[in-house]
Amino acid sequence: QVQLVESGGGLVQAGDSLRLSCAASGRTSSRYMMAWFRQAPGKEREFVAAISPSSLSTYYSDSVKGRFTISRDNAKNTVYLQMDSLKSEDTALYYCGARIRADFSYSDYGRREAYAYWGQGTQVTVSS
C-alpha cells in the first residue's frame, strides 16, 4: 500500500509560479511511475505530467509542455511539479498518482485508470 500526500497549492495570479509536492509513503515508491493529473469543476480528470522511476523519461500534456516541469527525489520519496507562467485555465484540483497497474503498461502513463494509488489533491487557483 502506498499513501500519497500532495501539498503546495494556492491562489496565485496569472504569470506566477507554484511548486507542488507529492510525498509518498513506502520504500518501494521509488520503483513506480509517478504522475500528476488535474480536475477542473465539471470536467474529467486529465493528465498533466508523468515521470519514470529513474527520471530518465518525462511526459507532458500539450497544454503544459514548456511551462511545467516534473521531477522526483527518490531519496525523499517525493515528486514535484514546478508550474511556471500559470494561466487561469490551469485552475484545478491537482492529484498525484503512483504505480501503473499490472493490467496496464508504461505506455498508458496518460490514462487515469492506469494508476493504482491516488492522493487527495491540492487546489490550484489562478486569477487572471
Foldseek 3Di string as FASTA:
>chain_A
DKAKAKDWADEEAAQAKTKMKIAIDDLCQLQKKKFKWWDDPPGDIWGAKIAHSVRPDIDGDPVQPPFWDWDDDSVRNMIMIIGGRDDQVVWTWMKMFIHFDPVDDPVVVGPPVRGDDMYPTDTHGYHD
